[in-house]
Structure formats: structure tokens, C-alpha cells
Amino acid sequence: MPWTRLDDHDTILYRFFAADGFLLYIGITDQGPQRWARHATDKPWWWEVAAITLTHFVTRDEAVQAERQAIAIEHPAHNHVHNNSAKHELLGRCRRAVLAFNDLPGGRKQIRRLFWARYGAAIPDQDAGYWIEYTALRHSISWWETEAEHWELELAKAARSR
């Protein structure tokens, strides 16, 4: 990915997009290449980034305000702060239920079997919460409601059987 040279006082708002145009993340920085290098090492969704847009701001305060507004309006998949969409609320319910399997005896194996049965996909144990996020954010609210209920019921059944 080519880097843009930033002036010493520029703060930029950046948007990361998947190859299909799906908005992945919105952030701000005054050290673009360094910030994006950190994302590359600590964000499990980084491999999806195919495009980036940059908007320059004279002051950091302007950039912060623009970031909050953009996240609230555009609902990027991987921003959780300032993103009060119904999808993110349901995402939280799904993730909490799925990740709670880790606290049950044999829960990691069980969640792998349940994912395979539900989605036809194998996942590494530690990636269950991310897989829910990655897959589900591309779906509708009604899909989300169904998934949240499904995973909460699966967790309740698993907890009762212990």
C-alpha cells in the first residue's frame, strides 16, 4: 500500500475499505505510516484492507469531530467507539455468547462444531468472536436478531448440560 507524506501539523481522517467497497474502519492520526503499521500487526481484519481514503485537517480537534460524526453515520465494521448502531449492539450480544463458550469445560471444541453446523466453516478456536463479527456485519438487522438469539440459546443449553 503506498504511503502519503504528511505535513508536520496535519491530522488525517482515514477510512479502510475491503475490495468490495465494504467500510472496515475509520480512524485519525498524525503519523499515518506508523499507525497503519500497528494496525497491520494487531488487527485481525487487516488482511481485508484493499483501499484507503485520506481527509486532511488543520487541527486535531476538527479531525476528532469529523471522525465521531463519520463513525456515527457510516457505521464501519470494526469501530466500536462512537458506533451506536443496532448491528453493533447485536454484535455485542453474539460475541459475548460465543466467547462465553471459552469459560465452559469443552467449550472451545463445542463452539467449533456449532460453527461448522451453522455456517459450514471451520474456524480456529481463538477466532470465533472475530468470525462472528466479520461475517455478521455484512448482514441485515433481522439476520442479526436471529443470530443473537441463536447463540444465546446455544450458550444456555451448553451451560445447562455442564
N, C-alpha and C. Protein backbone atom coordinates (compact mmCIF):
# COMPACT_ATOMS: atom_id res chain seq x y z
N MET A 1 0.86 -1.17 0.00
CA MET A 1 0.00 0.00 0.00
C MET A 1 0.90 1.24 0.00
N PRO A 2 0.73 2.16 -0.95
CA PRO A 2 1.58 3.36 -0.96
C PRO A 2 1.25 4.28 0.20
N TRP A 3 2.27 4.92 0.76
CA TRP A 3 2.08 5.83 1.89
C TRP A 3 2.03 7.27 1.41
N THR A 4 1.29 8.09 2.11
CA THR A 4 1.19 9.51 1.83
C THR A 4 2.07 10.26 2.81
N ARG A 5 2.85 11.21 2.33
CA ARG A 5 3.67 12.03 3.22
C ARG A 5 2.77 13.08 3.87
N LEU A 6 2.84 13.18 5.18
CA LEU A 6 2.01 14.13 5.92
C LEU A 6 2.85 15.32 6.33
N ASP A 7 2.25 16.50 6.29
CA ASP A 7 2.91 17.68 6.83
C ASP A 7 3.02 17.52 8.33
N ASP A 8 3.94 18.24 8.94
CA ASP A 8 4.18 18.12 10.38
C ASP A 8 2.94 18.35 11.22
N HIS A 9 2.01 19.17 10.76
CA HIS A 9 0.88 19.54 11.59
C HIS A 9 -0.44 18.97 11.09
N ASP A 10 -0.40 18.16 10.06
CA ASP A 10 -1.63 17.56 9.54
C ASP A 10 -2.14 16.46 10.46
N THR A 11 -3.43 16.44 10.62
CA THR A 11 -4.10 15.28 11.20
C THR A 11 -5.02 14.77 10.12
N ILE A 12 -5.01 13.48 9.89
CA ILE A 12 -5.86 12.94 8.82
C ILE A 12 -6.90 12.00 9.40
N LEU A 13 -8.02 12.00 8.74
CA LEU A 13 -9.05 11.01 8.98
C LEU A 13 -8.89 10.00 7.85
N TYR A 14 -8.78 8.72 8.21
CA TYR A 14 -8.62 7.70 7.19
C TYR A 14 -9.75 6.69 7.27
N ARG A 15 -10.08 6.13 6.12
CA ARG A 15 -11.09 5.08 6.02
C ARG A 15 -10.45 3.90 5.31
N PHE A 16 -10.58 2.71 5.90
CA PHE A 16 -10.12 1.47 5.28
C PHE A 16 -11.31 0.76 4.67
N PHE A 17 -11.15 0.30 3.43
CA PHE A 17 -12.21 -0.41 2.71
C PHE A 17 -11.73 -1.79 2.27
N ALA A 18 -12.65 -2.75 2.24
CA ALA A 18 -12.39 -4.06 1.65
C ALA A 18 -12.46 -3.93 0.13
N ALA A 19 -12.03 -4.96 -0.57
CA ALA A 19 -12.02 -4.94 -2.04
C ALA A 19 -13.40 -4.70 -2.63
N ASP A 20 -14.45 -5.14 -1.93
CA ASP A 20 -15.81 -4.95 -2.44
C ASP A 20 -16.42 -3.60 -2.05
N GLY A 21 -15.61 -2.72 -1.43
CA GLY A 21 -16.08 -1.40 -1.05
C GLY A 21 -16.68 -1.33 0.34
N PHE A 22 -16.73 -2.45 1.04
CA PHE A 22 -17.28 -2.51 2.40
C PHE A 22 -16.38 -1.71 3.34
N LEU A 23 -16.97 -0.78 4.11
CA LEU A 23 -16.21 0.08 5.01
C LEU A 23 -15.80 -0.71 6.25
N LEU A 24 -14.50 -0.84 6.44
CA LEU A 24 -13.97 -1.63 7.55
C LEU A 24 -13.71 -0.80 8.80
N TYR A 25 -13.11 0.39 8.64
CA TYR A 25 -12.63 1.12 9.82
C TYR A 25 -12.42 2.58 9.48
N ILE A 26 -12.67 3.45 10.46
CA ILE A 26 -12.38 4.88 10.34
C ILE A 26 -11.51 5.26 11.54
N GLY A 27 -10.47 6.04 11.28
CA GLY A 27 -9.60 6.49 12.36
C GLY A 27 -8.95 7.82 12.03
N ILE A 28 -8.23 8.37 13.01
CA ILE A 28 -7.47 9.59 12.77
C ILE A 28 -6.04 9.38 13.26
N THR A 29 -5.12 10.12 12.65
CA THR A 29 -3.72 10.04 13.04
C THR A 29 -2.96 11.24 12.50
N ASP A 30 -1.83 11.51 13.12
CA ASP A 30 -0.90 12.48 12.54
C ASP A 30 0.40 11.76 12.16
N GLN A 31 0.38 10.44 12.25
CA GLN A 31 1.53 9.61 11.88
C GLN A 31 1.05 8.40 11.09
N GLY A 32 0.54 8.65 9.90
CA GLY A 32 -0.10 7.62 9.10
C GLY A 32 0.64 6.30 8.96
N PRO A 33 1.82 6.31 8.35
CA PRO A 33 2.50 5.03 8.13
C PRO A 33 2.76 4.24 9.42
N GLN A 34 3.12 4.93 10.48
CA GLN A 34 3.37 4.23 11.75
C GLN A 34 2.06 3.65 12.31
N ARG A 35 1.00 4.42 12.23
CA ARG A 35 -0.30 3.97 12.74
C ARG A 35 -0.78 2.76 11.95
N TRP A 36 -0.68 2.82 10.65
CA TRP A 36 -1.16 1.73 9.81
C TRP A 36 -0.29 0.48 9.98
N ALA A 37 0.99 0.67 10.23
CA ALA A 37 1.86 -0.48 10.51
C ALA A 37 1.41 -1.18 11.80
N ARG A 38 0.99 -0.39 12.81
CA ARG A 38 0.47 -1.01 14.04
C ARG A 38 -0.83 -1.77 13.76
N HIS A 39 -1.71 -1.17 12.95
CA HIS A 39 -2.94 -1.88 12.58
C HIS A 39 -2.58 -3.21 11.91
N ALA A 40 -1.58 -3.18 11.04
CA ALA A 40 -1.20 -4.39 10.30
C ALA A 40 -0.75 -5.51 11.23
N THR A 41 -0.21 -5.16 12.39
CA THR A 41 0.27 -6.20 13.30
C THR A 41 -0.75 -6.59 14.36
N ASP A 42 -1.73 -5.73 14.67
CA ASP A 42 -2.62 -6.07 15.78
C ASP A 42 -4.11 -6.13 15.45
N LYS A 43 -4.48 -5.98 14.20
CA LYS A 43 -5.90 -6.05 13.83
C LYS A 43 -6.14 -7.30 12.97
N PRO A 44 -6.98 -8.21 13.44
CA PRO A 44 -7.20 -9.45 12.68
C PRO A 44 -7.88 -9.22 11.34
N TRP A 45 -8.47 -8.06 11.15
CA TRP A 45 -9.14 -7.76 9.89
C TRP A 45 -8.22 -7.06 8.88
N TRP A 46 -6.98 -6.80 9.24
CA TRP A 46 -6.08 -6.03 8.37
C TRP A 46 -5.95 -6.64 6.98
N TRP A 47 -5.94 -7.96 6.90
CA TRP A 47 -5.78 -8.63 5.60
C TRP A 47 -6.86 -8.25 4.60
N GLU A 48 -7.99 -7.74 5.10
CA GLU A 48 -9.09 -7.35 4.23
C GLU A 48 -8.89 -5.99 3.57
N VAL A 49 -8.01 -5.14 4.12
CA VAL A 49 -7.87 -3.77 3.64
C VAL A 49 -7.32 -3.77 2.21
N ALA A 50 -8.12 -3.19 1.32
CA ALA A 50 -7.73 -3.11 -0.09
C ALA A 50 -7.60 -1.66 -0.55
N ALA A 51 -8.22 -0.73 0.18
CA ALA A 51 -8.18 0.68 -0.22
C ALA A 51 -8.26 1.56 1.02
N ILE A 52 -7.71 2.75 0.88
CA ILE A 52 -7.73 3.72 1.97
C ILE A 52 -8.02 5.09 1.37
N THR A 53 -8.84 5.87 2.06
CA THR A 53 -9.04 7.27 1.68
C THR A 53 -8.54 8.14 2.83
N LEU A 54 -8.05 9.31 2.49
CA LEU A 54 -7.50 10.23 3.47
C LEU A 54 -8.17 11.59 3.33
N THR A 55 -8.50 12.19 4.47
CA THR A 55 -9.01 13.55 4.51
C THR A 55 -8.14 14.32 5.49
N HIS A 56 -7.50 15.38 5.04
CA HIS A 56 -6.58 16.15 5.88
C HIS A 56 -7.32 17.24 6.64
N PHE A 57 -6.90 17.46 7.90
CA PHE A 57 -7.46 18.51 8.74
C PHE A 57 -6.32 19.34 9.31
N VAL A 58 -6.58 20.62 9.47
CA VAL A 58 -5.57 21.53 10.01
C VAL A 58 -5.37 21.29 11.50
N THR A 59 -6.46 21.00 12.23
CA THR A 59 -6.34 20.80 13.67
C THR A 59 -6.82 19.40 14.05
N ARG A 60 -6.29 18.90 15.12
CA ARG A 60 -6.71 17.60 15.63
C ARG A 60 -8.17 17.65 16.09
N ASP A 61 -8.58 18.75 16.71
CA ASP A 61 -9.97 18.88 17.16
C ASP A 61 -10.95 18.71 16.01
N GLU A 62 -10.64 19.31 14.86
CA GLU A 62 -11.50 19.16 13.69
C GLU A 62 -11.56 17.69 13.25
N ALA A 63 -10.41 17.03 13.27
CA ALA A 63 -10.34 15.63 12.86
C ALA A 63 -11.14 14.74 13.82
N VAL A 64 -11.02 15.00 15.12
CA VAL A 64 -11.76 14.21 16.12
C VAL A 64 -13.26 14.36 15.90
N GLN A 65 -13.71 15.57 15.68
CA GLN A 65 -15.14 15.81 15.46
C GLN A 65 -15.60 15.11 14.17
N ALA A 66 -14.81 15.21 13.12
CA ALA A 66 -15.16 14.56 11.85
C ALA A 66 -15.19 13.03 11.99
N GLU A 67 -14.24 12.49 12.77
CA GLU A 67 -14.20 11.04 12.98
C GLU A 67 -15.46 10.56 13.70
N ARG A 68 -15.82 11.23 14.79
CA ARG A 68 -17.02 10.85 15.54
C ARG A 68 -18.26 10.86 14.66
N GLN A 69 -18.38 11.94 13.87
CA GLN A 69 -19.54 12.07 13.00
C GLN A 69 -19.54 10.98 11.93
N ALA A 70 -18.38 10.73 11.32
CA ALA A 70 -18.30 9.71 10.26
C ALA A 70 -18.64 8.33 10.79
N ILE A 71 -18.13 7.98 11.96
CA ILE A 71 -18.42 6.66 12.55
C ILE A 71 -19.91 6.53 12.86
N ALA A 72 -20.49 7.57 13.45
CA ALA A 72 -21.91 7.53 13.81
C ALA A 72 -22.81 7.39 12.58
N ILE A 73 -22.41 7.98 11.47
CA ILE A 73 -23.24 7.97 10.26
C ILE A 73 -22.96 6.74 9.39
N GLU A 74 -21.68 6.38 9.25
CA GLU A 74 -21.28 5.35 8.28
C GLU A 74 -21.20 3.95 8.87
N HIS A 75 -21.14 3.81 10.18
CA HIS A 75 -21.10 2.52 10.88
C HIS A 75 -20.06 1.54 10.32
N PRO A 76 -18.79 1.89 10.37
CA PRO A 76 -17.77 0.96 9.88
C PRO A 76 -17.76 -0.32 10.72
N ALA A 77 -17.39 -1.41 10.08
CA ALA A 77 -17.49 -2.73 10.71
C ALA A 77 -16.68 -2.87 11.99
N HIS A 78 -15.50 -2.30 12.05
CA HIS A 78 -14.61 -2.58 13.17
C HIS A 78 -14.40 -1.41 14.13
N ASN A 79 -15.20 -0.37 14.02
CA ASN A 79 -15.19 0.69 15.02
C ASN A 79 -16.28 0.38 16.03
N HIS A 80 -15.91 0.40 17.30
CA HIS A 80 -16.91 0.14 18.33
C HIS A 80 -17.23 1.40 19.13
N VAL A 81 -16.25 2.25 19.31
CA VAL A 81 -16.48 3.53 19.99
C VAL A 81 -17.19 4.46 19.01
N HIS A 82 -18.18 5.18 19.47
CA HIS A 82 -18.99 6.13 18.68
C HIS A 82 -19.91 5.44 17.68
N ASN A 83 -19.95 4.11 17.67
CA ASN A 83 -20.74 3.39 16.68
C ASN A 83 -21.94 2.76 17.40
N ASN A 84 -23.00 3.51 17.52
CA ASN A 84 -24.15 3.08 18.29
C ASN A 84 -25.24 2.45 17.44
N SER A 85 -24.85 1.72 16.41
CA SER A 85 -25.86 1.13 15.54
C SER A 85 -26.47 -0.10 16.20
N ALA A 86 -27.66 -0.44 15.76
CA ALA A 86 -28.33 -1.64 16.26
C ALA A 86 -27.51 -2.88 15.93
N LYS A 87 -26.84 -2.88 14.77
CA LYS A 87 -26.00 -4.02 14.41
C LYS A 87 -24.89 -4.23 15.44
N HIS A 88 -24.27 -3.16 15.89
CA HIS A 88 -23.19 -3.30 16.85
C HIS A 88 -23.70 -3.75 18.22
N GLU A 89 -24.89 -3.35 18.57
CA GLU A 89 -25.47 -3.84 19.82
C GLU A 89 -25.70 -5.35 19.73
N LEU A 90 -26.25 -5.80 18.60
CA LEU A 90 -26.48 -7.23 18.41
C LEU A 90 -25.15 -7.98 18.25
N LEU A 91 -24.19 -7.35 17.60
CA LEU A 91 -22.85 -7.94 17.51
C LEU A 91 -22.31 -8.24 18.90
N GLY A 92 -22.47 -7.30 19.81
CA GLY A 92 -22.01 -7.49 21.17
C GLY A 92 -22.68 -8.68 21.83
N ARG A 93 -23.97 -8.82 21.61
CA ARG A 93 -24.69 -9.97 22.18
C ARG A 93 -24.15 -11.28 21.61
N CYS A 94 -23.94 -11.34 20.31
CA CYS A 94 -23.41 -12.56 19.69
C CYS A 94 -22.01 -12.87 20.20
N ARG A 95 -21.15 -11.86 20.19
CA ARG A 95 -19.77 -12.08 20.63
C ARG A 95 -19.72 -12.54 22.08
N ARG A 96 -20.50 -11.91 22.96
CA ARG A 96 -20.48 -12.31 24.37
C ARG A 96 -20.91 -13.76 24.52
N ALA A 97 -21.96 -14.16 23.80
CA ALA A 97 -22.43 -15.54 23.90
C ALA A 97 -21.38 -16.51 23.35
N VAL A 98 -20.83 -16.21 22.18
CA VAL A 98 -19.84 -17.10 21.57
C VAL A 98 -18.59 -17.18 22.42
N LEU A 99 -18.09 -16.04 22.88
CA LEU A 99 -16.86 -16.04 23.67
C LEU A 99 -17.06 -16.67 25.04
N ALA A 100 -18.28 -16.67 25.55
CA ALA A 100 -18.55 -17.30 26.84
C ALA A 100 -18.35 -18.81 26.79
N PHE A 101 -18.39 -19.40 25.59
CA PHE A 101 -18.11 -20.83 25.47
C PHE A 101 -16.70 -21.15 25.98
N ASN A 102 -15.78 -20.20 25.88
CA ASN A 102 -14.42 -20.43 26.36
C ASN A 102 -14.38 -20.72 27.85
N ASP A 103 -15.39 -20.28 28.60
CA ASP A 103 -15.42 -20.49 30.04
C ASP A 103 -16.05 -21.83 30.43
N LEU A 104 -16.59 -22.55 29.46
CA LEU A 104 -17.23 -23.83 29.75
C LEU A 104 -16.25 -24.97 29.49
N PRO A 105 -16.31 -26.03 30.29
CA PRO A 105 -15.47 -27.20 30.01
C PRO A 105 -15.79 -27.75 28.62
N GLY A 106 -14.80 -27.91 27.80
CA GLY A 106 -15.00 -28.40 26.44
C GLY A 106 -15.65 -27.39 25.51
N GLY A 107 -15.78 -26.15 25.95
CA GLY A 107 -16.48 -25.14 25.17
C GLY A 107 -15.83 -24.80 23.85
N ARG A 108 -14.51 -24.81 23.80
CA ARG A 108 -13.83 -24.48 22.54
C ARG A 108 -14.13 -25.50 21.45
N LYS A 109 -14.09 -26.78 21.81
CA LYS A 109 -14.43 -27.81 20.82
C LYS A 109 -15.88 -27.68 20.40
N GLN A 110 -16.74 -27.41 21.38
CA GLN A 110 -18.17 -27.31 21.09
C GLN A 110 -18.46 -26.14 20.15
N ILE A 111 -17.82 -25.01 20.37
CA ILE A 111 -18.10 -23.86 19.51
C ILE A 111 -17.63 -24.13 18.08
N ARG A 112 -16.54 -24.87 17.93
CA ARG A 112 -16.08 -25.22 16.58
C ARG A 112 -17.12 -26.10 15.88
N ARG A 113 -17.66 -27.09 16.60
CA ARG A 113 -18.69 -27.95 16.00
C ARG A 113 -19.94 -27.15 15.64
N LEU A 114 -20.34 -26.25 16.55
CA LEU A 114 -21.54 -25.45 16.31
C LEU A 114 -21.35 -24.51 15.11
N PHE A 115 -20.17 -23.91 15.00
CA PHE A 115 -19.90 -23.04 13.85
C PHE A 115 -19.97 -23.83 12.56
N TRP A 116 -19.37 -25.02 12.57
CA TRP A 116 -19.39 -25.84 11.35
C TRP A 116 -20.83 -26.18 10.98
N ALA A 117 -21.63 -26.57 11.94
CA ALA A 117 -23.02 -26.93 11.67
C ALA A 117 -23.83 -25.73 11.18
N ARG A 118 -23.57 -24.55 11.73
CA ARG A 118 -24.38 -23.38 11.39
C ARG A 118 -23.92 -22.70 10.11
N TYR A 119 -22.59 -22.58 9.92
CA TYR A 119 -22.07 -21.77 8.81
C TYR A 119 -21.32 -22.57 7.76
N GLY A 120 -21.07 -23.85 8.00
CA GLY A 120 -20.30 -24.64 7.05
C GLY A 120 -18.87 -24.17 6.94
N ALA A 121 -18.33 -23.65 8.04
CA ALA A 121 -16.97 -23.11 8.02
C ALA A 121 -16.22 -23.58 9.26
N ALA A 122 -14.98 -23.95 9.05
CA ALA A 122 -14.11 -24.29 10.18
C ALA A 122 -13.39 -23.02 10.62
N ILE A 123 -13.24 -22.86 11.93
CA ILE A 123 -12.56 -21.69 12.47
C ILE A 123 -11.57 -22.11 13.53
N PRO A 124 -10.46 -21.38 13.66
CA PRO A 124 -9.58 -21.64 14.80
C PRO A 124 -10.29 -21.24 16.09
N ASP A 125 -10.00 -21.93 17.18
CA ASP A 125 -10.67 -21.66 18.45
C ASP A 125 -10.70 -20.18 18.81
N GLN A 126 -9.55 -19.54 18.75
CA GLN A 126 -9.45 -18.17 19.26
C GLN A 126 -10.14 -17.16 18.34
N ASP A 127 -10.55 -17.57 17.16
CA ASP A 127 -11.12 -16.61 16.21
C ASP A 127 -12.64 -16.62 16.16
N ALA A 128 -13.30 -17.33 17.05
CA ALA A 128 -14.76 -17.43 16.98
C ALA A 128 -15.43 -16.06 17.08
N GLY A 129 -15.01 -15.25 18.04
CA GLY A 129 -15.61 -13.93 18.19
C GLY A 129 -15.39 -13.05 16.97
N TYR A 130 -14.18 -13.09 16.41
CA TYR A 130 -13.90 -12.29 15.23
C TYR A 130 -14.69 -12.80 14.03
N TRP A 131 -14.80 -14.13 13.89
CA TRP A 131 -15.53 -14.67 12.74
C TRP A 131 -16.97 -14.20 12.75
N ILE A 132 -17.58 -14.19 13.93
CA ILE A 132 -18.95 -13.67 14.05
C ILE A 132 -18.98 -12.23 13.57
N GLU A 133 -18.04 -11.43 14.02
CA GLU A 133 -18.01 -10.02 13.65
C GLU A 133 -17.82 -9.86 12.15
N TYR A 134 -16.85 -10.55 11.58
CA TYR A 134 -16.52 -10.44 10.16
C TYR A 134 -17.70 -10.83 9.28
N THR A 135 -18.32 -11.96 9.60
CA THR A 135 -19.41 -12.47 8.77
C THR A 135 -20.69 -11.68 8.97
N ALA A 136 -21.04 -11.46 10.21
CA ALA A 136 -22.36 -10.93 10.50
C ALA A 136 -22.52 -9.46 10.15
N LEU A 137 -21.46 -8.68 10.20
CA LEU A 137 -21.61 -7.26 9.92
C LEU A 137 -22.06 -7.00 8.49
N ARG A 138 -21.93 -7.97 7.64
CA ARG A 138 -22.34 -7.80 6.25
C ARG A 138 -23.81 -8.18 6.03
N HIS A 139 -24.50 -8.51 7.12
CA HIS A 139 -25.89 -8.95 7.02
C HIS A 139 -26.86 -7.91 7.59
N SER A 140 -28.14 -8.21 7.42
CA SER A 140 -29.20 -7.29 7.84
C SER A 140 -29.48 -7.40 9.34
N ILE A 141 -30.23 -6.43 9.85
CA ILE A 141 -30.62 -6.43 11.26
C ILE A 141 -31.42 -7.68 11.60
N SER A 142 -32.33 -8.12 10.72
CA SER A 142 -33.12 -9.31 11.03
C SER A 142 -32.22 -10.55 11.14
N TRP A 143 -31.20 -10.64 10.30
CA TRP A 143 -30.23 -11.74 10.42
C TRP A 143 -29.55 -11.68 11.77
N TRP A 144 -29.17 -10.46 12.16
CA TRP A 144 -28.51 -10.26 13.44
C TRP A 144 -29.37 -10.70 14.61
N GLU A 145 -30.64 -10.32 14.59
CA GLU A 145 -31.54 -10.68 15.68
C GLU A 145 -31.62 -12.20 15.81
N THR A 146 -31.73 -12.88 14.67
CA THR A 146 -31.78 -14.33 14.66
C THR A 146 -30.49 -14.92 15.22
N GLU A 147 -29.34 -14.39 14.81
CA GLU A 147 -28.05 -14.91 15.27
C GLU A 147 -27.84 -14.67 16.76
N ALA A 148 -28.20 -13.50 17.24
CA ALA A 148 -28.04 -13.21 18.67
C ALA A 148 -28.87 -14.19 19.50
N GLU A 149 -30.11 -14.40 19.10
CA GLU A 149 -30.96 -15.34 19.81
C GLU A 149 -30.39 -16.76 19.74
N HIS A 150 -29.92 -17.14 18.55
CA HIS A 150 -29.36 -18.48 18.37
C HIS A 150 -28.18 -18.73 19.31
N TRP A 151 -27.22 -17.81 19.34
CA TRP A 151 -26.00 -18.04 20.14
C TRP A 151 -26.28 -17.93 21.63
N GLU A 152 -27.22 -17.10 22.02
CA GLU A 152 -27.59 -17.04 23.44
C GLU A 152 -28.27 -18.35 23.87
N LEU A 153 -29.12 -18.92 23.01
CA LEU A 153 -29.75 -20.20 23.31
C LEU A 153 -28.73 -21.33 23.36
N GLU A 154 -27.78 -21.33 22.40
CA GLU A 154 -26.74 -22.36 22.40
C GLU A 154 -25.91 -22.28 23.68
N LEU A 155 -25.58 -21.08 24.10
CA LEU A 155 -24.81 -20.92 25.32
C LEU A 155 -25.60 -21.42 26.53
N ALA A 156 -26.88 -21.08 26.61
CA ALA A 156 -27.72 -21.53 27.72
C ALA A 156 -27.80 -23.06 27.75
N LYS A 157 -27.98 -23.70 26.57
CA LYS A 157 -28.03 -25.16 26.51
C LYS A 157 -26.71 -25.76 26.97
N ALA A 158 -25.61 -25.20 26.51
CA ALA A 158 -24.30 -25.72 26.87
C ALA A 158 -24.05 -25.57 28.37
N ALA A 159 -24.43 -24.45 28.93
CA ALA A 159 -24.23 -24.21 30.36
C ALA A 159 -25.08 -25.17 31.20
N ARG A 160 -26.32 -25.46 30.76
CA ARG A 160 -27.20 -26.38 31.48
C ARG A 160 -26.66 -27.80 31.45
N SER A 161 -26.00 -28.16 30.35
CA SER A 161 -25.52 -29.54 30.22
C SER A 161 -24.24 -29.80 31.00
N ARG A 162 -23.67 -28.81 31.59
CA ARG A 162 -22.42 -28.96 32.35
C ARG A 162 -22.68 -29.36 33.75
